[in-house]
Every structure is written in structure tokens, then in C-alpha cells.
Amino acid sequence: MTGSLTVPPLPWAAFHLPPWVDALKYIDIAALGVVLLFIALVALMRTVLPKTGAIAWVTAKEAVFQPLFLILVLIGLFALFLFPYIPYNTLGDDIKLLIMEGLTLIRLLTIFLAVWIASSSIADELDGKTALMALSKPVGRPTFIAGKYLGVMLAVTALFLILGIFFLNTISYKVVYDAREMSKEVPSAIDCFEQVRKILPGLILAYFETCLFGAIAVAVSTRFSLLPNITISLTIYLLGHLISVIVQSSVGQFAPVAFVANLSSAVLPNLDPFSMETAIAMEKEITWSYVGACGLYMFLFCSFAFVVSLLLFEDRDLA
């Protein structure tokens, strides 16, 4: 007597994952691809630019193994973990405030890390005369500055990836959490993924702003130590987000006031385009062409900051 062979179902076949966990499959696979791309770019940099890559690798490795890096990671993860459970009392728009708070937190932590690494690895080495050891070898000052900037951004990118991936997971969970709190139908995995997809451009814009501040921190570190660097960077951060308002309010004002406002807008970076708070409030999706334009602006300003770094560093007496 012959019968058909039936294969028993797998133990986990009947286990239904929550929709926000199901959406994480796509999120974390994409995040893994970004991490692998980051590792490949680091390896390529060390192969194509051995001197610059060596300086960058040493700078990033020293920064990552410092206690401050671990402290910032723990602070960021703990805050991002708490944000979804905070009652914002917005009658269904809690996720908007969660996105704003998360992006601002990640931006501030990564900018602070960039300023701290630049000051500790450039200003301290210049003041302690240890930079002479690197420059006494066949390493030019442009190579030294470029390596330090890339090293700063390697460590900052590592922190950004850790916090950014965790932040996307909390956004996916928040969609389901709010629906349950308001006794609504539980969203599907596609709904969770769609919400995460909408904020990806904002996360990239926050990274562009961090890259921009990394270049500013490196330029300032060629002349000043940590405390002045933090003060200058904080001032630029505040003015950069207010520069559009300052220019608009100076229209029709006293000529010197308008001149100072226009001069500030020409010298200081305009950071308002890197924020997506307005788009979140108006429920508008940021296009990738807009992200590309902001990336071009970031590249041009970083190039300008690199030239300023070389000019400031060229006259620095290292003896």
C-alpha cells in the first residue's frame, strides 16, 4: 500500500511575527547592506590612499575605543528606546514628534562626537607636538588634514549607523504601538515599512549636516582646543539654523544690518535645508532630488572648509 509522504511543518511556520518585527526584515537587510558598503569603502580607502587611509584608520580606531564613544552610544540607544513610550498628547501625531526628537538627538550626538574627535586628535596633537612625528615622515599637510577628517567621519559614521538603525526600528514599532493605544486596527508590515521609508531622506540629511560640521570642526581644531571648538561649533549650529530667518528679517532694514545678514549667509552654512521638521509637520515627503541637491551643497561647503583648514594649518608653527 502506497501513500503520499507528508512533510511536517516547521516548528516556527505557525508563528506569526508582529507587523513591526516583520517590517524589520527589510529595514535590517538594507542596514546590513549599508554597513557592508561602509566596510568596503574603508578597505578601498586604505588600499587606494595608503597614507591618508592609515592616518584615518588610526584616528577612527583611537576615537572608537575611547569611553566617550561608548557613553554616547548608550545615551543615544537609551533615549531612542524611551521616546516611543513618551505620551506626547498630540491626538494621533505622536510619531511626528518622535521622528523630530530622534533626528535631533542623533544629529547632536554625532556632531558633538565630531567636534570632540577633531579637537582631541588634531588640536591636542598640535599642542603636544606629536603631530611632528607624522609630518616628519613623507606626509604632507594636506594628506594629514584629509586623513584626520576621514578618520573623524569614520568614527562618526559608525555612531550614526548604530543609532540610525536602532531609530528606524523604534519608528517601525511606534506605528503599531500608537494603533494599539488608540484601539485602532493593527497596521500591517507594509504600513510600518512605509513609515520608515518616508524618514530615510531625513536621516540622510542629518548625516550630511554631520559631515559638514566634521569639516568645520577640523578647520577650527587647527587653531583652537576643545572648549573654543565646542563654543564656535555651537554658535555656527545656532546661526546656521537661523540664517534664513535672519536674512528674511533684514530685508528693508538699515543698510549695515542687511549687509551683516547677507555676509553671514555667505560665510556661514545654511543648515535649515538639512532639517525635515517642516516636511514632517506638513506631511510632505522629501524627494531624492532634494537630498541630492543638499548633498552637493554639503560637498561644496566641505571643500571650502578643507581649503580654510589648509590655510590655517599652513601658517601653524609646529616646532
Protein backbone atom coordinates (compact mmCIF):
# COMPACT_ATOMS: atom_id res chain seq x y z
CA MET A 1 0.00 0.00 0.00
CA THR A 2 1.49 3.28 -1.04
CA GLY A 3 0.66 6.62 0.44
CA SER A 4 1.75 10.17 -0.10
CA LEU A 5 4.59 11.39 2.01
CA THR A 6 3.64 14.40 4.09
CA VAL A 7 6.34 16.72 5.37
CA PRO A 8 5.60 18.03 8.85
CA PRO A 9 5.50 21.82 9.13
CA LEU A 10 8.48 23.58 10.59
CA PRO A 11 8.18 24.50 14.26
CA TRP A 12 8.17 28.22 13.51
CA ALA A 13 5.88 28.04 10.46
CA ALA A 14 2.77 28.77 12.53
CA PHE A 15 4.44 31.57 14.49
CA HIS A 16 3.19 34.93 13.32
CA LEU A 17 5.58 37.79 13.84
CA PRO A 18 4.24 41.19 14.90
CA PRO A 19 3.95 43.55 11.91
CA TRP A 20 6.64 45.92 13.18
CA VAL A 21 9.03 42.97 13.58
CA ASP A 22 8.08 41.66 10.14
CA ALA A 23 8.92 45.07 8.67
CA LEU A 24 12.36 44.93 10.29
CA LYS A 25 13.39 42.22 7.85
CA TYR A 26 13.52 44.78 5.06
CA ILE A 27 14.94 47.52 7.26
CA ASP A 28 17.75 45.47 8.75
CA ILE A 29 18.67 43.83 5.44
CA ALA A 30 19.07 47.29 3.92
CA ALA A 31 21.01 48.42 7.01
CA LEU A 32 23.31 45.40 6.68
CA GLY A 33 23.96 46.41 3.09
CA VAL A 34 24.89 49.92 4.18
CA VAL A 35 27.26 48.55 6.84
CA LEU A 36 28.94 46.25 4.33
CA LEU A 37 29.26 49.14 1.88
CA PHE A 38 30.84 51.24 4.63
CA ILE A 39 33.38 48.49 5.39
CA ALA A 40 34.16 48.10 1.69
CA LEU A 41 34.74 51.84 1.30
CA VAL A 42 37.11 51.83 4.29
CA ALA A 43 39.08 48.95 2.80
CA LEU A 44 39.17 50.69 -0.59
CA MET A 45 40.38 53.92 1.01
CA ARG A 46 43.23 52.16 2.79
CA THR A 47 44.24 50.49 -0.48
CA VAL A 48 43.99 53.43 -2.86
CA LEU A 49 45.23 56.11 -0.41
CA PRO A 50 47.61 54.27 1.93
CA LYS A 51 49.00 57.32 3.77
CA THR A 52 45.67 59.10 4.13
CA GLY A 53 43.94 55.83 4.95
CA ALA A 54 46.49 54.97 7.64
CA ILE A 55 46.01 58.33 9.37
CA ALA A 56 42.23 58.00 9.09
CA TRP A 57 42.22 54.45 10.44
CA VAL A 58 44.39 55.30 13.46
CA THR A 59 42.27 58.37 14.23
CA ALA A 60 38.99 56.45 13.99
CA LYS A 61 40.30 53.49 15.99
CA GLU A 62 41.51 55.71 18.83
CA ALA A 63 38.16 57.52 18.90
CA VAL A 64 36.02 54.37 18.89
CA PHE A 65 37.94 52.83 21.79
CA GLN A 66 37.57 55.94 23.94
CA PRO A 67 34.98 55.79 26.77
CA LEU A 68 33.13 58.80 25.32
CA PHE A 69 32.14 56.82 22.22
CA LEU A 70 30.53 54.10 24.33
CA ILE A 71 28.84 56.71 26.53
CA LEU A 72 27.30 58.44 23.51
CA VAL A 73 26.12 55.09 22.13
CA LEU A 74 24.46 54.17 25.42
CA ILE A 75 22.87 57.62 25.82
CA GLY A 76 21.52 57.53 22.28
CA LEU A 77 20.16 53.97 22.50
CA PHE A 78 18.55 54.58 25.89
CA ALA A 79 16.86 57.81 24.76
CA LEU A 80 15.67 56.29 21.47
CA PHE A 81 14.28 53.34 23.44
CA LEU A 82 12.28 55.65 25.71
CA PHE A 83 10.94 58.02 23.04
CA PRO A 84 8.16 55.69 21.74
CA TYR A 85 6.65 55.37 25.22
CA ILE A 86 6.52 59.10 26.00
CA PRO A 87 2.91 60.41 25.87
CA TYR A 88 3.06 63.48 23.65
CA ASN A 89 -0.71 64.06 23.77
CA THR A 90 -0.95 65.05 20.12
CA LEU A 91 -4.11 63.05 19.34
CA GLY A 92 -2.54 60.68 16.83
CA ASP A 93 0.51 62.64 15.76
CA ASP A 94 2.93 61.31 18.38
CA ILE A 95 5.05 59.70 15.70
CA LYS A 96 5.82 63.12 14.21
CA LEU A 97 7.35 64.34 17.46
CA LEU A 98 9.16 61.03 17.83
CA ILE A 99 10.78 61.49 14.42
CA MET A 100 11.77 65.08 15.22
CA GLU A 101 13.25 64.16 18.58
CA GLY A 102 15.08 61.14 17.21
CA LEU A 103 16.65 63.01 14.29
CA THR A 104 17.67 65.91 16.54
CA LEU A 105 19.21 63.57 19.12
CA ILE A 106 21.21 61.65 16.53
CA ARG A 107 22.34 64.88 14.89
CA LEU A 108 23.51 66.46 18.16
CA LEU A 109 25.33 63.36 19.43
CA THR A 110 27.19 62.80 16.17
CA ILE A 111 28.11 66.48 15.81
CA PHE A 112 29.42 66.53 19.38
CA LEU A 113 31.49 63.41 18.66
CA ALA A 114 32.90 65.02 15.51
CA VAL A 115 33.94 68.15 17.42
CA TRP A 116 35.46 66.10 20.24
CA ILE A 117 37.45 63.81 17.92
CA ALA A 118 38.74 66.71 15.85
CA SER A 119 39.88 68.56 18.97
CA SER A 120 41.48 65.54 20.63
CA SER A 121 43.19 64.19 17.51
CA ILE A 122 44.28 67.46 15.88
CA ALA A 123 44.43 70.26 18.45
CA ASP A 124 45.93 68.09 21.17
CA GLU A 125 48.49 66.59 18.80
CA LEU A 126 49.49 70.03 17.56
CA ASP A 127 49.77 71.41 21.10
CA GLY A 128 51.64 68.34 22.31
CA LYS A 129 53.99 68.41 19.30
CA THR A 130 53.13 64.79 18.48
CA ALA A 131 51.95 65.86 15.02
CA LEU A 132 55.63 66.42 14.16
CA MET A 133 56.13 62.65 14.17
CA ALA A 134 53.62 62.22 11.34
CA LEU A 135 54.67 65.30 9.39
CA SER A 136 58.38 64.46 9.70
CA LYS A 137 57.69 61.43 7.53
CA PRO A 138 56.85 61.87 3.83
CA VAL A 139 53.35 63.04 4.75
CA GLY A 140 52.26 66.47 3.57
CA ARG A 141 49.96 68.75 5.47
CA PRO A 142 47.07 68.25 3.00
CA THR A 143 47.38 64.49 3.49
CA PHE A 144 47.44 64.96 7.26
CA ILE A 145 44.29 67.12 7.25
CA ALA A 146 42.45 64.85 4.82
CA GLY A 147 43.34 61.78 6.87
CA LYS A 148 42.17 63.40 10.08
CA TYR A 149 38.86 64.43 8.54
CA LEU A 150 38.24 60.97 7.12
CA GLY A 151 39.16 59.46 10.49
CA VAL A 152 36.69 61.75 12.24
CA MET A 153 33.96 60.79 9.80
CA LEU A 154 34.71 57.06 10.09
CA ALA A 155 34.06 57.14 13.83
CA VAL A 156 31.07 59.46 13.43
CA THR A 157 29.61 57.22 10.70
CA ALA A 158 29.94 54.20 13.00
CA LEU A 159 27.96 56.03 15.69
CA PHE A 160 25.44 57.26 13.13
CA LEU A 161 24.83 53.75 11.80
CA ILE A 162 24.31 52.31 15.28
CA LEU A 163 21.84 54.98 16.34
CA GLY A 164 20.21 55.33 12.92
CA ILE A 165 19.43 51.62 12.53
CA PHE A 166 18.02 51.44 16.05
CA PHE A 167 15.99 54.60 15.40
CA LEU A 168 14.39 53.06 12.31
CA ASN A 169 13.41 50.05 14.38
CA THR A 170 11.74 52.25 17.00
CA ILE A 171 9.79 54.06 14.27
CA SER A 172 8.50 50.72 12.98
CA TYR A 173 7.43 49.75 16.49
CA LYS A 174 5.83 53.15 17.16
CA VAL A 175 3.36 52.70 14.30
CA VAL A 176 1.91 49.58 15.92
CA TYR A 177 2.17 50.96 19.46
CA ASP A 178 0.11 54.07 18.62
CA ALA A 179 -2.55 51.99 16.85
CA ARG A 180 -2.96 49.77 19.89
CA GLU A 181 -3.07 52.73 22.27
CA MET A 182 -5.88 54.31 20.23
CA SER A 183 -7.73 51.00 19.77
CA LYS A 184 -7.31 51.08 16.01
CA GLU A 185 -6.71 48.26 13.59
CA VAL A 186 -3.18 46.90 13.90
CA PRO A 187 -1.12 48.16 10.94
CA SER A 188 0.48 45.72 8.57
CA ALA A 189 4.19 45.23 8.00
CA ILE A 190 3.87 47.27 4.80
CA ASP A 191 2.45 50.21 6.78
CA CYS A 192 5.39 50.06 9.20
CA PHE A 193 7.90 49.85 6.38
CA GLU A 194 6.24 52.72 4.52
CA GLN A 195 6.58 54.99 7.55
CA VAL A 196 10.25 54.10 7.86
CA ARG A 197 10.82 54.69 4.15
CA LYS A 198 9.45 58.23 4.43
CA ILE A 199 12.01 59.29 7.04
CA LEU A 200 15.06 57.79 5.32
CA PRO A 201 15.73 61.03 3.40
CA GLY A 202 15.62 62.96 6.68
CA LEU A 203 18.15 60.58 8.22
CA ILE A 204 20.47 61.07 5.25
CA LEU A 205 20.08 64.86 5.52
CA ALA A 206 21.06 64.65 9.19
CA TYR A 207 24.18 62.71 8.15
CA PHE A 208 25.04 65.37 5.57
CA GLU A 209 24.84 68.01 8.29
CA THR A 210 27.14 65.94 10.47
CA CYS A 211 29.67 65.67 7.61
CA LEU A 212 29.53 69.43 7.21
CA PHE A 213 30.20 70.00 10.91
CA GLY A 214 33.02 67.48 10.82
CA ALA A 215 34.76 69.67 8.23
CA ILE A 216 34.13 72.78 10.33
CA ALA A 217 35.47 71.08 13.48
CA VAL A 218 38.65 70.03 11.67
CA ALA A 219 39.23 73.58 10.41
CA VAL A 220 38.70 75.10 13.86
CA SER A 221 40.91 72.45 15.50
CA THR A 222 43.93 73.60 13.54
CA ARG A 223 43.93 76.74 15.72
CA PHE A 224 41.82 76.12 18.84
CA SER A 225 41.43 73.48 21.52
CA LEU A 226 38.30 71.60 22.62
CA LEU A 227 36.41 74.27 24.58
CA PRO A 228 36.72 77.04 21.94
CA ASN A 229 35.87 74.46 19.28
CA ILE A 230 32.66 73.49 21.06
CA THR A 231 31.75 77.16 21.53
CA ILE A 232 32.39 78.04 17.89
CA SER A 233 30.59 74.94 16.60
CA LEU A 234 27.57 75.62 18.83
CA THR A 235 27.42 79.21 17.61
CA ILE A 236 27.61 78.10 13.98
CA TYR A 237 24.93 75.47 14.63
CA LEU A 238 22.51 78.01 16.09
CA LEU A 239 23.20 80.69 13.47
CA GLY A 240 23.12 78.14 10.65
CA HIS A 241 19.58 77.10 11.55
CA LEU A 242 18.51 80.74 11.91
CA ILE A 243 20.31 82.22 8.92
CA SER A 244 17.24 82.06 6.65
CA VAL A 245 15.12 83.88 9.24
CA ILE A 246 17.86 86.48 9.78
CA VAL A 247 18.16 87.23 6.07
CA GLN A 248 14.40 87.50 5.59
CA SER A 249 14.00 89.78 8.60
CA SER A 250 16.81 92.06 7.37
CA VAL A 251 15.01 92.90 4.12
CA GLY A 252 14.20 96.60 4.11
CA GLN A 253 16.16 97.21 7.31
CA PHE A 254 19.08 99.55 7.97
CA ALA A 255 21.82 99.01 5.34
CA PRO A 256 24.56 97.82 7.76
CA VAL A 257 22.15 95.32 9.30
CA ALA A 258 21.26 93.94 5.87
CA PHE A 259 24.96 93.80 4.95
CA VAL A 260 25.85 91.79 8.05
CA ALA A 261 22.95 89.42 7.43
CA ASN A 262 23.96 88.83 3.81
CA LEU A 263 27.62 88.41 4.78
CA SER A 264 26.67 85.84 7.40
CA SER A 265 24.60 83.91 4.89
CA ALA A 266 27.58 83.87 2.50
CA VAL A 267 30.14 82.69 5.08
CA LEU A 268 28.11 80.51 7.44
CA PRO A 269 26.43 77.30 6.29
CA ASN A 270 22.68 77.36 5.82
CA LEU A 271 21.56 74.39 7.90
CA ASP A 272 17.82 74.86 7.54
CA PRO A 273 17.59 72.73 4.34
CA PHE A 274 19.04 69.77 6.28
CA SER A 275 16.09 69.71 8.69
CA MET A 276 12.86 67.93 7.81
CA GLU A 277 10.74 69.31 10.67
CA THR A 278 8.67 71.42 8.28
CA ALA A 279 8.12 68.49 5.95
CA ILE A 280 7.04 66.33 8.89
CA ALA A 281 4.61 68.95 10.19
CA MET A 282 3.08 69.45 6.73
CA GLU A 283 3.14 65.70 5.97
CA LYS A 284 5.16 66.19 2.81
CA GLU A 285 7.61 63.60 1.56
CA ILE A 286 11.18 64.68 0.81
CA THR A 287 12.25 63.82 -2.73
CA TRP A 288 15.58 62.20 -3.52
CA SER A 289 16.43 65.02 -5.92
CA TYR A 290 16.24 67.40 -2.96
CA VAL A 291 18.52 65.09 -0.98
CA GLY A 292 20.98 65.09 -3.89
CA ALA A 293 20.98 68.89 -4.02
CA CYS A 294 21.69 69.06 -0.29
CA GLY A 295 24.47 66.52 -0.75
CA LEU A 296 26.05 68.72 -3.41
CA TYR A 297 25.81 71.73 -1.11
CA MET A 298 27.44 69.70 1.68
CA PHE A 299 30.28 68.63 -0.63
CA LEU A 300 30.96 72.19 -1.78
CA PHE A 301 31.00 73.57 1.76
CA CYS A 302 33.23 70.73 2.98
CA SER A 303 35.63 71.53 0.14
CA PHE A 304 35.60 75.18 1.21
CA ALA A 305 36.25 74.16 4.83
CA PHE A 306 39.13 71.93 3.69
CA VAL A 307 40.76 74.87 1.90
CA VAL A 308 40.33 77.00 5.02
CA SER A 309 41.88 74.20 7.09
CA LEU A 310 44.93 74.13 4.84
CA LEU A 311 45.31 77.91 5.01
CA LEU A 312 45.11 77.89 8.80
CA PHE A 313 47.37 74.87 9.15
CA GLU A 314 49.97 76.10 6.66
CA ASP A 315 50.99 79.00 8.91
CA ARG A 316 50.88 76.92 12.11
CA ASP A 317 54.30 76.64 13.73
CA LEU A 318 54.75 73.04 14.83
CA ALA A 319 58.22 73.38 16.30
